[in-house]
Amino acid sequence: MRYFIDTNIFLFLCHTPDELGSEIEALFDDYENSFIISSESIREIIMLLKDDRVQMKGWHSYADIRASLDKHGIEIRCVAEAHLKTLYRLCPAPRHSDPADLMIIAQAITEGVPLISSDTKFPLYVRQGLNAVLNKRPNARR
């Protein structure tokens, strides 16, 4: 099965895998699954690194990010016109207006691919066609 992964899932996978719940780990361990990340997520990561808002061990250039994508067999999906049309129709959930999140959600809806995220706002888009898979982080407070 194919899955879209949110930015936070890619960061956890590469740098803090203990933040992935057992259900999500099992998805990554299943060799029959394939994973897609939005070019919007990559843009987000690049900007976070350039603005020194995050430091990721071993990531000092785009080539380092690309190597991590290759290591985990993750394909980048660029934003296409069909995704933009879905984005235009998408109604943001209350108190959720992050443009990167909305683009990633629109891509997953357009592609008809489940989206894995730790963002608890993502399931609010199920009524609009999103198949959300929520990462239940083992270290999250209950």
Foldseek 3Di string as FASTA:
>chain_A
DEEEEALVVLLCVQAPVLQFAPVVVVQLVDPVYAYEYEVLSVVVVVVCVVVVVDDGPQDDDVVSVVVSCVVSRYHYDYDDPQLVVQLVVDDQDPPDDPPSVSSSQSVCQSVVHAYEDQDPRSVVCVVVRHRYDHGPTPPDDD
